[in-house]
Structures are given as structure tokens and as C-alpha cells.
Protein backbone atom coordinates (compact mmCIF):
# COMPACT_ATOMS: atom_id res chain seq x y z
CA MET A 1 39.31 49.39 72.24
CA LYS A 2 38.66 51.50 75.43
CA TYR A 3 41.28 49.37 77.57
CA SER A 4 43.81 50.80 74.85
CA ILE A 5 43.02 54.09 74.20
CA LEU A 6 43.48 54.34 77.88
CA GLY A 7 46.34 53.08 78.37
CA THR A 8 48.01 55.08 75.26
CA VAL A 9 46.78 58.10 77.33
CA LEU A 10 48.51 56.89 80.43
CA LEU A 11 51.80 56.12 78.52
CA GLY A 12 51.98 59.56 76.87
CA THR A 13 51.07 61.71 80.08
CA ALA A 14 54.47 59.31 81.28
CA LEU A 15 56.69 60.68 78.26
CA THR A 16 55.43 64.23 78.64
CA PHE A 17 56.23 63.83 82.61
CA SER A 18 59.91 62.27 82.11
CA GLY A 19 60.66 65.49 79.09
CA CYS A 20 59.64 68.57 81.92
CA LYS A 21 62.00 66.99 84.45
CA GLN A 22 64.87 65.85 82.13
CA SER A 23 64.58 69.19 80.92
CA THR A 24 64.05 71.82 84.33
CA THR A 25 67.54 69.31 85.52
CA SER A 26 69.00 70.36 82.03
CA ASN A 27 68.73 73.65 82.44
CA PRO A 28 71.92 75.78 83.93
CA ALA A 29 69.37 78.91 84.83
CA ASP A 30 67.80 76.79 87.71
CA LYS A 31 70.91 75.46 89.80
CA PRO A 32 71.26 77.31 93.11
CA ALA A 33 73.50 79.80 93.32
CA SER A 34 76.04 77.94 94.82
CA GLN A 35 76.57 75.62 91.89
CA LYS A 36 76.74 78.60 89.17
CA ALA A 37 79.81 80.36 88.11
CA ASP A 38 82.02 82.11 90.26
CA THR A 39 81.40 85.89 88.83
CA PRO A 40 85.19 87.50 88.78
CA VAL A 41 85.83 89.79 91.19
CA GLU A 42 88.01 93.26 90.22
CA LYS A 43 91.32 93.05 91.66
CA VAL A 44 91.86 95.91 94.35
CA TYR A 45 95.38 97.28 94.27
CA THR A 46 97.12 97.95 97.73
CA LEU A 47 99.72 99.25 99.54
CA ALA A 48 101.32 96.46 99.22
CA ASP A 49 100.88 95.80 95.95
CA ALA A 50 102.55 99.48 95.03
CA VAL A 51 105.97 98.58 97.45
CA ALA A 52 106.50 95.49 95.54
CA ASP A 53 106.54 97.05 92.53
CA PRO A 54 109.47 96.52 90.28
CA GLY A 55 110.12 100.12 89.54
CA ARG A 56 111.31 100.00 93.49
CA GLU A 57 113.22 97.75 92.87
CA ALA A 58 116.74 99.73 94.70
CA ALA A 59 114.72 100.96 97.21
CA LYS A 60 113.35 97.74 98.76
CA LYS A 61 116.57 96.70 100.89
CA VAL A 62 115.76 99.83 102.76
CA ASP A 63 112.07 98.60 103.50
CA LYS A 64 112.76 96.77 106.53
CA PHE A 65 113.59 99.80 108.43
CA ARG A 66 111.03 102.09 106.76
CA ASN A 67 107.95 99.85 106.18
CA PRO A 68 106.36 102.04 103.85
CA ALA A 69 103.09 100.16 103.30
CA ALA A 70 102.57 99.43 107.97
CA THR A 71 103.24 103.19 108.10
CA LEU A 72 100.91 105.00 105.44
CA ALA A 73 97.83 102.47 106.64
CA PHE A 74 98.59 104.04 109.95
CA PHE A 75 98.39 107.58 108.53
CA GLU A 76 94.94 106.08 106.80
CA VAL A 77 96.14 106.50 103.04
CA GLU A 78 92.90 104.93 101.38
CA PRO A 79 91.20 105.52 97.87
CA GLY A 80 89.47 107.90 97.34
CA LYS A 81 91.70 110.86 99.56
CA HIS A 82 94.33 113.53 98.75
CA VAL A 83 97.38 112.88 100.61
CA ALA A 84 100.09 115.11 100.43
CA GLU A 85 103.80 114.30 100.73
CA VAL A 86 106.07 117.37 102.38
CA TRP A 87 109.20 117.07 100.91
CA PRO A 88 108.86 113.76 99.56
CA GLY A 89 111.19 110.77 97.55
CA TYR A 90 110.82 107.59 99.03
CA TYR A 91 106.62 107.47 99.90
CA THR A 92 106.75 109.13 96.24
CA PRO A 93 106.73 106.31 93.81
CA ILE A 94 105.12 104.03 96.41
CA LEU A 95 101.68 107.07 96.73
CA ALA A 96 102.33 108.16 93.19
CA LYS A 97 101.75 104.50 92.10
CA TYR A 98 98.72 103.68 94.63
CA TYR A 99 97.07 106.94 93.19
CA LYS A 100 97.29 106.29 89.93
CA GLU A 101 95.23 103.06 90.28
CA ASN A 102 92.63 103.83 92.77
CA ALA A 103 90.54 107.46 92.53
CA GLY A 104 92.14 109.78 95.45
CA SER A 105 95.41 112.23 94.60
CA TYR A 106 98.60 112.80 95.29
CA THR A 107 100.31 116.57 95.65
CA ALA A 108 104.03 116.01 96.01
CA VAL A 109 104.65 119.56 98.22
CA LEU A 110 108.81 119.88 96.45
CA TYR A 111 111.01 123.51 97.95
CA PRO A 112 110.06 126.65 96.70
CA ASP A 113 111.31 127.52 93.04
CA ASN A 114 114.55 129.68 93.11
CA ALA A 115 115.30 129.34 96.87
CA GLY A 116 118.62 128.45 96.27
CA GLU A 117 120.28 126.31 93.63
CA TYR A 118 120.80 123.13 95.83
CA THR A 119 117.02 123.06 96.59
CA ASP A 120 116.44 124.05 92.54
CA LYS A 121 118.33 121.18 91.41
CA ARG A 122 116.29 119.20 93.57
CA ASN A 123 113.27 120.00 92.28
CA LYS A 124 114.18 119.59 88.95
CA ALA A 125 115.40 115.41 89.26
CA PHE A 126 112.47 115.12 90.77
CA ARG A 127 109.54 116.92 88.23
CA ASP A 128 112.50 114.89 85.83
CA LYS A 129 111.93 111.51 87.11
CA TYR A 130 107.67 111.47 87.61
CA VAL A 131 106.44 114.03 85.29
CA GLY A 132 105.30 112.60 82.00
CA ASN A 133 106.29 109.48 83.37
CA ALA A 134 103.48 106.70 82.36
CA ASP A 135 104.21 104.50 85.60
CA TYR A 136 103.19 106.47 87.95
CA GLY A 137 99.78 109.04 86.38
CA ASP A 138 99.53 112.53 86.97
CA MET A 139 100.53 114.34 90.41
CA ALA A 140 99.82 117.70 91.54
CA PHE A 141 102.38 119.64 93.03
CA GLY A 142 102.71 122.21 96.26
CA ALA A 143 105.76 123.92 97.04
CA PHE A 144 106.73 124.48 101.29
CA GLY A 145 109.87 126.23 102.79
CA GLN A 146 109.96 129.33 105.11
CA GLY A 147 108.57 132.39 104.87
CA HIS A 148 106.58 130.65 101.52
CA GLY A 149 102.76 130.65 102.67
CA ALA A 150 100.06 128.07 101.76
CA MET A 151 102.18 124.86 100.46
CA ILE A 152 98.70 123.75 98.50
CA GLU A 153 94.69 124.92 98.42
CA PRO A 154 93.99 125.06 102.16
CA GLY A 155 91.29 122.83 103.27
CA THR A 156 92.01 120.54 100.54
CA ALA A 157 94.38 117.44 102.00
CA ASP A 158 93.27 114.08 103.69
CA VAL A 159 96.83 113.59 104.67
CA VAL A 160 99.67 115.34 104.65
CA ILE A 161 103.24 113.29 105.44
CA SER A 162 106.15 114.39 106.62
CA ARG A 163 109.02 111.65 107.16
CA ARG A 164 112.30 113.29 108.73
CA ASN A 165 112.51 116.42 108.46
CA VAL A 166 111.50 117.88 111.31
CA HIS A 167 114.71 118.37 113.02
CA ASN A 168 115.33 120.85 109.62
CA TRP A 169 113.05 123.17 110.61
CA MET A 170 113.90 123.26 113.69
CA GLY A 171 117.64 123.98 112.69
CA ARG A 172 116.65 127.01 110.82
CA GLY A 173 113.05 128.04 113.09
CA TYR A 174 110.32 127.62 111.96
CA ALA A 175 109.16 124.19 113.30
CA ASP A 176 106.16 125.95 114.64
CA GLU A 177 105.40 128.04 111.06
CA ALA A 178 105.62 123.64 109.77
CA PHE A 179 103.01 122.63 111.72
CA GLU A 180 100.24 125.78 110.95
CA GLU A 181 101.12 125.57 107.22
CA PHE A 182 100.27 121.74 107.66
CA TYR A 183 96.81 122.52 109.97
CA ALA A 184 96.08 124.88 107.04
CA ALA A 185 96.14 122.57 104.44
CA LEU A 186 94.20 119.77 105.59
CA LYS A 187 90.68 119.47 105.43
CA PRO A 188 88.51 118.94 109.30
CA GLY A 189 89.96 116.00 110.22
CA GLY A 190 92.57 115.04 108.89
CA ILE A 191 95.57 113.21 109.64
CA LEU A 192 99.29 114.44 110.01
CA GLY A 193 101.69 111.69 109.80
CA ILE A 194 105.11 112.87 110.97
CA VAL A 195 107.74 109.84 111.09
CA GLU A 196 110.99 111.32 112.56
CA HIS A 197 114.68 110.38 114.39
CA ARG A 198 113.82 110.12 117.80
CA LEU A 199 115.28 111.38 121.08
CA PRO A 200 115.28 109.06 124.59
CA GLU A 201 113.27 110.96 126.70
CA THR A 202 116.13 110.93 129.16
CA MET A 203 118.20 112.84 126.81
CA GLU A 204 118.06 116.50 126.33
CA GLN A 205 116.83 118.12 124.27
CA ASP A 206 118.67 120.07 120.98
CA PRO A 207 115.59 123.10 120.41
CA ARG A 208 118.07 123.36 117.19
CA GLY A 209 117.77 119.10 116.50
CA LYS A 210 121.64 119.12 115.36
CA THR A 211 121.67 115.66 116.00
CA GLY A 212 118.46 115.02 113.85
CA TYR A 213 117.14 113.31 116.55
CA VAL A 214 113.86 114.74 117.89
CA GLN A 215 111.97 113.77 121.13
CA GLU A 216 108.19 112.70 121.15
CA SER A 217 107.16 114.94 123.51
CA TYR A 218 108.28 118.37 121.38
CA MET A 219 107.24 117.00 118.23
CA LYS A 220 103.66 116.70 120.20
CA ASP A 221 103.97 120.26 121.22
CA LEU A 222 104.82 121.41 118.12
CA ALA A 223 101.29 119.73 117.24
CA ASN A 224 99.30 121.10 119.86
CA ARG A 225 100.19 124.84 119.65
CA ALA A 226 99.59 124.56 115.90
CA GLY A 227 96.15 123.41 116.90
CA PHE A 228 96.06 119.77 116.03
CA GLU A 229 94.76 116.65 118.44
CA PHE A 230 97.09 113.44 118.76
CA VAL A 231 95.55 110.55 117.97
CA GLY A 232 97.95 108.27 118.74
CA SER A 233 101.86 106.19 117.75
CA SER A 234 102.77 103.54 116.73
CA GLU A 235 106.15 101.34 116.68
CA ILE A 236 106.14 100.26 113.02
CA ASN A 237 109.92 101.82 112.55
CA ALA A 238 111.31 101.71 116.06
CA ASN A 239 114.53 100.27 116.21
CA PRO A 240 115.92 99.39 120.07
CA LYS A 241 119.51 98.98 118.67
CA ASP A 242 119.84 102.97 118.33
CA THR A 243 121.18 104.54 121.19
CA ALA A 244 120.58 107.89 120.00
CA ASP A 245 124.20 108.92 121.04
CA HIS A 246 126.51 108.66 118.23
CA PRO A 247 129.42 111.10 117.47
CA PHE A 248 128.21 112.57 113.58
CA GLY A 249 124.29 112.25 115.59
CA VAL A 250 122.00 110.39 113.45
CA TRP A 251 123.91 111.22 110.17
CA THR A 252 126.20 108.46 111.53
CA LEU A 253 124.12 105.54 110.37
CA PRO A 254 123.16 104.46 107.64
CA PRO A 255 121.44 105.60 104.98
CA ARG A 256 124.01 108.25 105.72
CA SER A 257 126.81 106.64 107.08
CA ARG A 258 129.22 109.32 108.19
CA THR A 259 132.58 108.58 109.39
CA PRO A 260 136.12 110.51 110.35
CA LYS A 261 138.73 112.36 108.42
CA GLU A 262 140.87 109.56 108.01
CA GLY A 263 144.41 109.91 109.80
CA THR A 264 142.41 112.12 112.23
CA PRO A 265 142.64 110.82 116.17
CA GLU A 266 138.66 109.80 115.48
CA ALA A 267 139.24 108.08 112.63
CA ALA A 268 141.67 105.55 114.53
CA GLU A 269 139.15 104.80 117.33
CA PHE A 270 135.88 104.98 114.74
CA ASN A 271 133.96 101.47 114.67
CA ALA A 272 132.33 101.78 111.40
CA GLU A 273 131.21 98.09 111.58
CA LEU A 274 129.59 99.31 114.88
CA TYR A 275 126.97 101.60 112.87
CA GLN A 276 126.01 99.50 110.68
CA ASN A 277 124.61 96.78 112.06
CA ILE A 278 122.51 98.98 114.40
CA GLY A 279 120.68 100.02 111.08
CA GLU A 280 118.69 102.61 110.32
CA SER A 281 117.84 105.13 113.13
CA ASP A 282 115.09 104.51 115.38
CA ARG A 283 111.61 106.32 114.81
CA ALA A 284 108.85 108.06 115.73
CA THR A 285 106.32 107.46 114.38
CA LEU A 286 102.90 109.95 115.32
CA LYS A 287 99.30 110.40 113.87
CA PHE A 288 97.41 114.25 114.93
CA ARG A 289 94.14 115.38 113.40
CA LYS A 290 92.66 118.39 112.29
CA PRO A 291 89.64 118.26 114.67
CA LYS A 292 86.49 119.01 112.94
């Protein structure tokens, strides 16, 4: 009788221990972290995503010459920043989409209103395309032009960008004013990003930029006089095929592809295919900083 009671107790203990062991191994909460289900990770919307957006289909054919994602990254375009683009266009759908999906903001700095029929038409076309367009979200507006004054509220931009415009300001005699306005618009430590058709240092610089090409040293001097520090340059948008000595300046090359008037001696000798094969211009990509 004593043996039977002891056997019963031992059997009960064994069953209890066995049940606990089975319960422990079957509880998902006790699995090592590496064995748990993966936690969903929120996808970050990148500049590359914005460049690949289907709404840019028509512009993608020139991306190989303009390298937008790499260029904007070089200019330190990042989530949470306020980016202002002077006389916008090509970068607009990229930046507007990027800041719709990320924290931060984009300001399109247009021509001043009522400055002329051409610029008013450009401003209207821009606003018609982007204002109220749900694909791009909200954007702010500024204005920049000779004698206009502050293009946005001073000291509010983290990044100011200009693409292929320096020769225009040189031609109209207000390049120094332009760089001073960019300096005023930026926060201390802010970045000025410039992309411009590049004239070799071995060639003579026209102070009016009539060919559309500008030396890097000339632009560095403009920025230095305005108070900027030179940060660095990139060869992202270089084109070694471009000799910068074309009959109609940079406008001989795509996308303008200007040609002589038919029936002229120049037209008989002009080789349009040659300039098409060069592609778009060789471009300087320069980064400056407003001191802190």
C-alpha cells in the first residue's frame, strides 16, 4: 500500500513536469527575438523614388545628362529641410513630390509678377501645372529678379538651388545681386547649389556670359564676394565631349539644338548630327555654404 501511494505521487509529479515542459516550448512569447515575426519597417521615400515617378516620364530622357538624384543629394537635399529653387522647372516635380512624402518644404522662386509678358506667361503656366495638384502637395512661392528684393523671407532656407542661370544674371548685369539675395535667403550654415554650363579656365570669360558658358573660378568669385564659403565641386554633370566653342554657344547643343537659317553659307557647312552626338553641355556642379 505504501509502495502504491509513492508510485502514484511520482507518476503525478512526472506528468506535471511533462505538461509544463510542453507548455513552455509551445508559447510564442518565449521564443528568441530572432525567431519572432519580422516587424514591418516604414519605407523611406527617396530622391531616387521621386526621379522614378511615372509623372516624370517625359523628362527621363534627359536624366542621363542631368543626374537629378545624385545632384540634389550632393546639395544636401534631405527630409526636414526647406529647399528653395530659383526659376524652377526641371527639378520641380522631383522636389515637390519628395517633400510631399517627407517632412520639410519646397519653395518655387518664380519671376516677379508683372515684370513682362514672357515671364508672366511662364509664371502662369507653372502655377497652372502645380497649384492644387494632388500629385505634388503644397508648395510655397517666392520671386526673384533684378531689383526685386528679398526672394523669400530672409534666413529661412536650408538649401537654395539654381540650375543653368548664372549666365542670364551676368548678361543682365545683376549676378552679384543674385548671389547676395541667395545669401540673405539662407539660414547660417545653409547650402547654395549651382549647376551651370562650364567654360574651361583656358578660354576667355565673357563677363556677360554671351555663350552661356561660365568658368568655375568666375562663379566662385561671385559667391565669395557675397560671403559664401566654397565647399566643393562634383563631376556628376560633366560631359568631356563638350568643347564649349560652338557657333551658337551652348544653345547649339541639345536641348535647344539651334541651327543656322536655311540657305545661308553657315547652313551648308553645319553638321547638326555632330552636336546631337555631343549631347547636353558640360556642367559645373558647385556647392557653397553660408558661414554659421
